[in-house]
Amino acid sequence: IDRAGSDYILTDLQSTNGTFVNKQKVVSHKLS
């Protein structure tokens, strides 16, 4: 997770089983 100004960006690092936010698989996602 990287701070981008006032936003926070989650990035999956090519993981084997994936990263999910609220049930959806994501590659890059702005968190709320």
PDB file of all heavy atoms in Angstrom:
ATOM      1  N   ILE A   1       0.864  -1.174   0.000  1.00  0.00           N
ATOM      2  CA  ILE A   1       0.000   0.000   0.000  1.00  0.00           C
ATOM      3  C   ILE A   1       0.902   1.227   0.000  1.00  0.00           C
ATOM      4  O   ILE A   1       1.807   1.347   0.829  1.00  0.00           O
ATOM      5  CB  ILE A   1      -0.932   0.028   1.224  1.00  0.00           C
ATOM      6  CG1 ILE A   1      -1.799  -1.236   1.278  1.00  0.00           C
ATOM      7  CG2 ILE A   1      -1.827   1.265   1.187  1.00  0.00           C
ATOM      8  CD1 ILE A   1      -2.630  -1.365   2.551  1.00  0.00           C
ATOM      9  N   ASP A   2       0.666   2.134  -0.940  1.00  0.00           N
ATOM     10  CA  ASP A   2       1.452   3.360  -1.047  1.00  0.00           C
ATOM     11  C   ASP A   2       0.573   4.577  -0.825  1.00  0.00           C
ATOM     12  O   ASP A   2      -0.563   4.624  -1.299  1.00  0.00           O
ATOM     13  CB  ASP A   2       2.105   3.454  -2.434  1.00  0.00           C
ATOM     14  CG  ASP A   2       3.191   2.415  -2.631  1.00  0.00           C
ATOM     15  OD1 ASP A   2       4.287   2.606  -2.076  1.00  0.00           O
ATOM     16  OD2 ASP A   2       2.947   1.420  -3.334  1.00  0.00           O
ATOM     17  N   ARG A   3       1.117   5.547  -0.104  1.00  0.00           N
ATOM     18  CA  ARG A   3       0.445   6.833   0.055  1.00  0.00           C
ATOM     19  C   ARG A   3       0.684   7.650  -1.206  1.00  0.00           C
ATOM     20  O   ARG A   3       1.831   7.841  -1.638  1.00  0.00           O
ATOM     21  CB  ARG A   3       0.995   7.570   1.269  1.00  0.00           C
ATOM     22  CG  ARG A   3       0.170   8.784   1.687  1.00  0.00           C
ATOM     23  CD  ARG A   3       0.972   9.734   2.555  1.00  0.00           C
ATOM     24  NE  ARG A   3       1.676   9.037   3.616  1.00  0.00           N
ATOM     25  CZ  ARG A   3       1.237   8.871   4.851  1.00  0.00           C
ATOM     26  NH1 ARG A   3       0.068   9.340   5.182  1.00  0.00           N
ATOM     27  NH2 ARG A   3       1.969   8.252   5.769  1.00  0.00           N
ATOM     28  N   ALA A   4      -0.389   8.124  -1.837  1.00  0.00           N
ATOM     29  CA  ALA A   4      -0.283   8.945  -3.046  1.00  0.00           C
ATOM     30  C   ALA A   4      -1.053  10.238  -2.798  1.00  0.00           C
ATOM     31  O   ALA A   4      -2.233  10.335  -3.095  1.00  0.00           O
ATOM     32  CB  ALA A   4      -0.835   8.208  -4.260  1.00  0.00           C
ATOM     33  N   GLY A   5      -0.392  11.217  -2.209  1.00  0.00           N
ATOM     34  CA  GLY A   5      -1.086  12.436  -1.799  1.00  0.00           C
ATOM     35  C   GLY A   5      -2.024  12.116  -0.650  1.00  0.00           C
ATOM     36  O   GLY A   5      -1.600  11.610   0.385  1.00  0.00           O
ATOM     37  N   SER A   6      -3.301  12.369  -0.836  1.00  0.00           N
ATOM     38  CA  SER A   6      -4.294  12.037   0.193  1.00  0.00           C
ATOM     39  C   SER A   6      -4.909  10.658  -0.033  1.00  0.00           C
ATOM     40  O   SER A   6      -5.753  10.216   0.747  1.00  0.00           O
ATOM     41  CB  SER A   6      -5.411  13.093   0.206  1.00  0.00           C
ATOM     42  OG  SER A   6      -6.060  13.138  -1.055  1.00  0.00           O
ATOM     43  N   ASP A   7      -4.483   9.978  -1.087  1.00  0.00           N
ATOM     44  CA  ASP A   7      -5.013   8.654  -1.415  1.00  0.00           C
ATOM     45  C   ASP A   7      -4.046   7.551  -0.984  1.00  0.00           C
ATOM     46  O   ASP A   7      -2.852   7.787  -0.778  1.00  0.00           O
ATOM     47  CB  ASP A   7      -5.273   8.533  -2.921  1.00  0.00           C
ATOM     48  CG  ASP A   7      -6.344   9.487  -3.405  1.00  0.00           C
ATOM     49  OD1 ASP A   7      -7.284   9.751  -2.630  1.00  0.00           O
ATOM     50  OD2 ASP A   7      -6.240   9.968  -4.544  1.00  0.00           O
ATOM     51  N   TYR A   8      -4.600   6.341  -0.870  1.00  0.00           N
ATOM     52  CA  TYR A   8      -3.802   5.171  -0.534  1.00  0.00           C
ATOM     53  C   TYR A   8      -4.084   4.101  -1.588  1.00  0.00           C
ATOM     54  O   TYR A   8      -5.235   3.715  -1.796  1.00  0.00           O
ATOM     55  CB  TYR A   8      -4.154   4.668   0.870  1.00  0.00           C
ATOM     56  CG  TYR A   8      -3.720   5.632   1.950  1.00  0.00           C
ATOM     57  CD1 TYR A   8      -4.483   6.758   2.257  1.00  0.00           C
ATOM     58  CD2 TYR A   8      -2.516   5.451   2.636  1.00  0.00           C
ATOM     59  CE1 TYR A   8      -4.077   7.667   3.224  1.00  0.00           C
ATOM     60  CE2 TYR A   8      -2.102   6.347   3.612  1.00  0.00           C
ATOM     61  CZ  TYR A   8      -2.888   7.454   3.899  1.00  0.00           C
ATOM     62  OH  TYR A   8      -2.467   8.339   4.857  1.00  0.00           O
ATOM     63  N   ILE A   9      -3.033   3.643  -2.257  1.00  0.00           N
ATOM     64  CA  ILE A   9      -3.172   2.729  -3.389  1.00  0.00           C
ATOM     65  C   ILE A   9      -2.665   1.346  -3.000  1.00  0.00           C
ATOM     66  O   ILE A   9      -1.499   1.178  -2.627  1.00  0.00           O
ATOM     67  CB  ILE A   9      -2.388   3.233  -4.614  1.00  0.00           C
ATOM     68  CG1 ILE A   9      -2.742   4.700  -4.924  1.00  0.00           C
ATOM     69  CG2 ILE A   9      -2.678   2.340  -5.817  1.00  0.00           C
ATOM     70  CD1 ILE A   9      -4.185   4.952  -5.254  1.00  0.00           C
ATOM     71  N   LEU A  10      -3.549   0.355  -3.082  1.00  0.00           N
ATOM     72  CA  LEU A  10      -3.197  -1.039  -2.836  1.00  0.00           C
ATOM     73  C   LEU A  10      -2.783  -1.680  -4.152  1.00  0.00           C
ATOM     74  O   LEU A  10      -3.477  -1.550  -5.164  1.00  0.00           O
ATOM     75  CB  LEU A  10      -4.399  -1.785  -2.243  1.00  0.00           C
ATOM     76  CG  LEU A  10      -4.286  -3.316  -2.139  1.00  0.00           C
ATOM     77  CD1 LEU A  10      -3.268  -3.714  -1.080  1.00  0.00           C
ATOM     78  CD2 LEU A  10      -5.644  -3.923  -1.831  1.00  0.00           C
ATOM     79  N   THR A  11      -1.645  -2.383  -4.160  1.00  0.00           N
ATOM     80  CA  THR A  11      -1.153  -3.053  -5.363  1.00  0.00           C
ATOM     81  C   THR A  11      -0.807  -4.501  -5.038  1.00  0.00           C
ATOM     82  O   THR A  11      -0.072  -4.774  -4.084  1.00  0.00           O
ATOM     83  CB  THR A  11       0.107  -2.352  -5.920  1.00  0.00           C
ATOM     84  OG1 THR A  11      -0.181  -0.980  -6.153  1.00  0.00           O
ATOM     85  CG2 THR A  11       0.553  -3.001  -7.229  1.00  0.00           C
ATOM     86  N   ASP A  12      -1.356  -5.423  -5.813  1.00  0.00           N
ATOM     87  CA  ASP A  12      -0.993  -6.823  -5.677  1.00  0.00           C
ATOM     88  C   ASP A  12       0.381  -7.040  -6.306  1.00  0.00           C
ATOM     89  O   ASP A  12       0.653  -6.560  -7.406  1.00  0.00           O
ATOM     90  CB  ASP A  12      -2.034  -7.719  -6.362  1.00  0.00           C
ATOM     91  CG  ASP A  12      -1.681  -9.190  -6.269  1.00  0.00           C
ATOM     92  OD1 ASP A  12      -1.899  -9.780  -5.193  1.00  0.00           O
ATOM     93  OD2 ASP A  12      -1.168  -9.747  -7.268  1.00  0.00           O
ATOM     94  N   LEU A  13       1.270  -7.767  -5.622  1.00  0.00           N
ATOM     95  CA  LEU A  13       2.636  -7.969  -6.101  1.00  0.00           C
ATOM     96  C   LEU A  13       2.774  -9.317  -6.804  1.00  0.00           C
ATOM     97  O   LEU A  13       3.654 -10.117  -6.492  1.00  0.00           O
ATOM     98  CB  LEU A  13       3.616  -7.858  -4.929  1.00  0.00           C
ATOM     99  CG  LEU A  13       3.628  -6.507  -4.204  1.00  0.00           C
ATOM    100  CD1 LEU A  13       4.609  -6.519  -3.045  1.00  0.00           C
ATOM    101  CD2 LEU A  13       3.924  -5.372  -5.170  1.00  0.00           C
ATOM    102  N   GLN A  14       1.862  -9.568  -7.745  1.00  0.00           N
ATOM    103  CA  GLN A  14       1.883 -10.802  -8.533  1.00  0.00           C
ATOM    104  C   GLN A  14       1.842 -12.028  -7.607  1.00  0.00           C
ATOM    105  O   GLN A  14       2.550 -13.009  -7.812  1.00  0.00           O
ATOM    106  CB  GLN A  14       3.114 -10.840  -9.433  1.00  0.00           C
ATOM    107  CG  GLN A  14       3.187  -9.662 -10.397  1.00  0.00           C
ATOM    108  CD  GLN A  14       4.469  -9.622 -11.200  1.00  0.00           C
ATOM    109  OE1 GLN A  14       5.122 -10.639 -11.405  1.00  0.00           O
ATOM    110  NE2 GLN A  14       4.846  -8.445 -11.660  1.00  0.00           N
ATOM    111  N   SER A  15       0.977 -11.952  -6.604  1.00  0.00           N
ATOM    112  CA  SER A  15       0.863 -13.040  -5.622  1.00  0.00           C
ATOM    113  C   SER A  15       0.237 -14.282  -6.252  1.00  0.00           C
ATOM    114  O   SER A  15      -0.466 -14.195  -7.260  1.00  0.00           O
ATOM    115  CB  SER A  15       0.009 -12.586  -4.438  1.00  0.00           C
ATOM    116  OG  SER A  15      -1.314 -12.271  -4.860  1.00  0.00           O
ATOM    117  N   THR A  16       0.475 -15.425  -5.644  1.00  0.00           N
ATOM    118  CA  THR A  16      -0.042 -16.690  -6.166  1.00  0.00           C
ATOM    119  C   THR A  16      -1.563 -16.769  -6.048  1.00  0.00           C
ATOM    120  O   THR A  16      -2.252 -17.175  -6.990  1.00  0.00           O
ATOM    121  CB  THR A  16       0.580 -17.874  -5.412  1.00  0.00           C
ATOM    122  OG1 THR A  16       2.001 -17.822  -5.568  1.00  0.00           O
ATOM    123  CG2 THR A  16       0.060 -19.210  -5.956  1.00  0.00           C
ATOM    124  N   ASN A  17      -2.105 -16.382  -4.906  1.00  0.00           N
ATOM    125  CA  ASN A  17      -3.540 -16.539  -4.649  1.00  0.00           C
ATOM    126  C   ASN A  17      -4.342 -15.261  -4.791  1.00  0.00           C
ATOM    127  O   ASN A  17      -5.547 -15.259  -4.561  1.00  0.00           O
ATOM    128  CB  ASN A  17      -3.747 -17.129  -3.245  1.00  0.00           C
ATOM    129  CG  ASN A  17      -3.266 -18.568  -3.169  1.00  0.00           C
ATOM    130  OD1 ASN A  17      -3.561 -19.360  -4.052  1.00  0.00           O
ATOM    131  ND2 ASN A  17      -2.495 -18.889  -2.152  1.00  0.00           N
ATOM    132  N   GLY A  18      -3.697 -14.171  -5.175  1.00  0.00           N
ATOM    133  CA  GLY A  18      -4.429 -12.942  -5.436  1.00  0.00           C
ATOM    134  C   GLY A  18      -4.743 -12.119  -4.198  1.00  0.00           C
ATOM    135  O   GLY A  18      -4.678 -12.600  -3.066  1.00  0.00           O
ATOM    136  N   THR A  19      -5.085 -10.866  -4.434  1.00  0.00           N
ATOM    137  CA  THR A  19      -5.488  -9.935  -3.379  1.00  0.00           C
ATOM    138  C   THR A  19      -6.915  -9.481  -3.679  1.00  0.00           C
ATOM    139  O   THR A  19      -7.228  -9.143  -4.815  1.00  0.00           O
ATOM    140  CB  THR A  19      -4.547  -8.722  -3.337  1.00  0.00           C
ATOM    141  OG1 THR A  19      -3.203  -9.169  -3.099  1.00  0.00           O
ATOM    142  CG2 THR A  19      -4.946  -7.750  -2.241  1.00  0.00           C
ATOM    143  N   PHE A  20      -7.760  -9.478  -2.657  1.00  0.00           N
ATOM    144  CA  PHE A  20      -9.171  -9.160  -2.838  1.00  0.00           C
ATOM    145  C   PHE A  20      -9.550  -7.963  -1.961  1.00  0.00           C
ATOM    146  O   PHE A  20      -9.075  -7.839  -0.826  1.00  0.00           O
ATOM    147  CB  PHE A  20     -10.061 -10.349  -2.471  1.00  0.00           C
ATOM    148  CG  PHE A  20      -9.872 -11.539  -3.381  1.00  0.00           C
ATOM    149  CD1 PHE A  20      -8.773 -12.375  -3.229  1.00  0.00           C
ATOM    150  CD2 PHE A  20     -10.788 -11.817  -4.386  1.00  0.00           C
ATOM    151  CE1 PHE A  20      -8.584 -13.459  -4.075  1.00  0.00           C
ATOM    152  CE2 PHE A  20     -10.614 -12.908  -5.225  1.00  0.00           C
ATOM    153  CZ  PHE A  20      -9.508 -13.723  -5.071  1.00  0.00           C
ATOM    154  N   VAL A  21     -10.401  -7.097  -2.486  1.00  0.00           N
ATOM    155  CA  VAL A  21     -10.969  -5.994  -1.703  1.00  0.00           C
ATOM    156  C   VAL A  21     -12.482  -6.098  -1.811  1.00  0.00           C
ATOM    157  O   VAL A  21     -13.048  -6.028  -2.903  1.00  0.00           O
ATOM    158  CB  VAL A  21     -10.501  -4.613  -2.211  1.00  0.00           C
ATOM    159  CG1 VAL A  21     -11.187  -3.506  -1.425  1.00  0.00           C
ATOM    160  CG2 VAL A  21      -8.985  -4.479  -2.087  1.00  0.00           C
ATOM    161  N   ASN A  22     -13.129  -6.316  -0.671  1.00  0.00           N
ATOM    162  CA  ASN A  22     -14.597  -6.448  -0.638  1.00  0.00           C
ATOM    163  C   ASN A  22     -15.083  -7.479  -1.658  1.00  0.00           C
ATOM    164  O   ASN A  22     -16.009  -7.236  -2.420  1.00  0.00           O
ATOM    165  CB  ASN A  22     -15.262  -5.090  -0.879  1.00  0.00           C
ATOM    166  CG  ASN A  22     -14.780  -4.043   0.113  1.00  0.00           C
ATOM    167  OD1 ASN A  22     -14.445  -4.363   1.258  1.00  0.00           O
ATOM    168  ND2 ASN A  22     -14.723  -2.794  -0.326  1.00  0.00           N
ATOM    169  N   LYS A  23     -14.394  -8.621  -1.717  1.00  0.00           N
ATOM    170  CA  LYS A  23     -14.761  -9.795  -2.512  1.00  0.00           C
ATOM    171  C   LYS A  23     -14.311  -9.731  -3.971  1.00  0.00           C
ATOM    172  O   LYS A  23     -14.443 -10.715  -4.704  1.00  0.00           O
ATOM    173  CB  LYS A  23     -16.281 -10.046  -2.456  1.00  0.00           C
ATOM    174  CG  LYS A  23     -16.662 -11.499  -2.704  1.00  0.00           C
ATOM    175  CD  LYS A  23     -18.148 -11.709  -2.477  1.00  0.00           C
ATOM    176  CE  LYS A  23     -18.519 -13.184  -2.675  1.00  0.00           C
ATOM    177  NZ  LYS A  23     -19.953 -13.419  -2.424  1.00  0.00           N
ATOM    178  N   GLN A  24     -13.784  -8.612  -4.415  1.00  0.00           N
ATOM    179  CA  GLN A  24     -13.346  -8.485  -5.795  1.00  0.00           C
ATOM    180  C   GLN A  24     -11.824  -8.570  -5.879  1.00  0.00           C
ATOM    181  O   GLN A  24     -11.119  -7.892  -5.139  1.00  0.00           O
ATOM    182  CB  GLN A  24     -13.821  -7.152  -6.392  1.00  0.00           C
ATOM    183  CG  GLN A  24     -15.327  -7.033  -6.513  1.00  0.00           C
ATOM    184  CD  GLN A  24     -15.939  -8.072  -7.440  1.00  0.00           C
ATOM    185  OE1 GLN A  24     -15.419  -8.330  -8.515  1.00  0.00           O
ATOM    186  NE2 GLN A  24     -17.046  -8.667  -7.018  1.00  0.00           N
ATOM    187  N   LYS A  25     -11.346  -9.396  -6.810  1.00  0.00           N
ATOM    188  CA  LYS A  25      -9.903  -9.498  -7.029  1.00  0.00           C
ATOM    189  C   LYS A  25      -9.407  -8.182  -7.623  1.00  0.00           C
ATOM    190  O   LYS A  25     -10.036  -7.612  -8.498  1.00  0.00           O
ATOM    191  CB  LYS A  25      -9.586 -10.641  -7.978  1.00  0.00           C
ATOM    192  CG  LYS A  25      -8.113 -10.745  -8.353  1.00  0.00           C
ATOM    193  CD  LYS A  25      -7.888 -11.876  -9.343  1.00  0.00           C
ATOM    194  CE  LYS A  25      -6.460 -11.853  -9.868  1.00  0.00           C
ATOM    195  NZ  LYS A  25      -6.196 -10.720 -10.762  1.00  0.00           N
ATOM    196  N   VAL A  26      -8.283  -7.683  -7.117  1.00  0.00           N
ATOM    197  CA  VAL A  26      -7.745  -6.414  -7.604  1.00  0.00           C
ATOM    198  C   VAL A  26      -6.274  -6.573  -7.959  1.00  0.00           C
ATOM    199  O   VAL A  26      -5.574  -7.439  -7.417  1.00  0.00           O
ATOM    200  CB  VAL A  26      -7.898  -5.290  -6.554  1.00  0.00           C
ATOM    201  CG1 VAL A  26      -9.364  -5.059  -6.202  1.00  0.00           C
ATOM    202  CG2 VAL A  26      -7.077  -5.576  -5.304  1.00  0.00           C
ATOM    203  N   VAL A  27      -5.830  -5.743  -8.883  1.00  0.00           N
ATOM    204  CA  VAL A  27      -4.407  -5.610  -9.177  1.00  0.00           C
ATOM    205  C   VAL A  27      -3.910  -4.300  -8.570  1.00  0.00           C
ATOM    206  O   VAL A  27      -2.867  -4.251  -7.935  1.00  0.00           O
ATOM    207  CB  VAL A  27      -4.149  -5.643 -10.697  1.00  0.00           C
ATOM    208  CG1 VAL A  27      -2.678  -5.382 -11.004  1.00  0.00           C
ATOM    209  CG2 VAL A  27      -4.567  -6.996 -11.277  1.00  0.00           C
ATOM    210  N   SER A  28      -4.697  -3.233  -8.757  1.00  0.00           N
ATOM    211  CA  SER A  28      -4.417  -1.940  -8.138  1.00  0.00           C
ATOM    212  C   SER A  28      -5.753  -1.329  -7.745  1.00  0.00           C
ATOM    213  O   SER A  28      -6.712  -1.381  -8.513  1.00  0.00           O
ATOM    214  CB  SER A  28      -3.661  -1.036  -9.117  1.00  0.00           C
ATOM    215  OG  SER A  28      -3.354   0.207  -8.526  1.00  0.00           O
ATOM    216  N   HIS A  29      -5.822  -0.759  -6.534  1.00  0.00           N
ATOM    217  CA  HIS A  29      -7.120  -0.292  -6.033  1.00  0.00           C
ATOM    218  C   HIS A  29      -6.903   0.879  -5.079  1.00  0.00           C
ATOM    219  O   HIS A  29      -6.048   0.820  -4.191  1.00  0.00           O
ATOM    220  CB  HIS A  29      -7.824  -1.432  -5.295  1.00  0.00           C
ATOM    221  CG  HIS A  29      -9.155  -1.068  -4.717  1.00  0.00           C
ATOM    222  ND1 HIS A  29     -10.323  -1.079  -5.449  1.00  0.00           N
ATOM    223  CD2 HIS A  29      -9.509  -0.672  -3.457  1.00  0.00           C
ATOM    224  CE1 HIS A  29     -11.327  -0.721  -4.674  1.00  0.00           C
ATOM    225  NE2 HIS A  29     -10.862  -0.461  -3.473  1.00  0.00           N
ATOM    226  N   LYS A  30      -7.677   1.963  -5.260  1.00  0.00           N
ATOM    227  CA  LYS A  30      -7.637   3.092  -4.329  1.00  0.00           C
ATOM    228  C   LYS A  30      -8.531   2.758  -3.143  1.00  0.00           C
ATOM    229  O   LYS A  30      -9.728   2.536  -3.299  1.00  0.00           O
ATOM    230  CB  LYS A  30      -8.087   4.379  -5.016  1.00  0.00           C
ATOM    231  CG  LYS A  30      -7.972   5.602  -4.114  1.00  0.00           C
ATOM    232  CD  LYS A  30      -8.098   6.897  -4.903  1.00  0.00           C
ATOM    233  CE  LYS A  30      -9.524   7.144  -5.341  1.00  0.00           C
ATOM    234  NZ  LYS A  30      -9.693   8.487  -5.950  1.00  0.00           N
ATOM    235  N   LEU A  31      -7.961   2.740  -1.952  1.00  0.00           N
ATOM    236  CA  LEU A  31      -8.676   2.299  -0.762  1.00  0.00           C
ATOM    237  C   LEU A  31      -9.569   3.390  -0.180  1.00  0.00           C
ATOM    238  O   LEU A  31      -9.243   4.576  -0.237  1.00  0.00           O
ATOM    239  CB  LEU A  31      -7.674   1.840   0.302  1.00  0.00           C
ATOM    240  CG  LEU A  31      -6.874   0.577  -0.044  1.00  0.00           C
ATOM    241  CD1 LEU A  31      -5.715   0.404   0.925  1.00  0.00           C
ATOM    242  CD2 LEU A  31      -7.776  -0.656  -0.024  1.00  0.00           C
ATOM    243  N   SER A  32     -10.681   2.949   0.401  1.00  0.00           N
ATOM    244  CA  SER A  32     -11.609   3.837   1.096  1.00  0.00           C
ATOM    245  C   SER A  32     -11.813   3.307   2.512  1.00  0.00           C
ATOM    246  O   SER A  32     -11.565   2.130   2.798  1.00  0.00           O
ATOM    247  CB  SER A  32     -12.958   3.892   0.370  1.00  0.00           C
ATOM    248  OG  SER A  32     -12.804   4.375  -0.949  1.00  0.00           O
TER     249      SER A  32
END
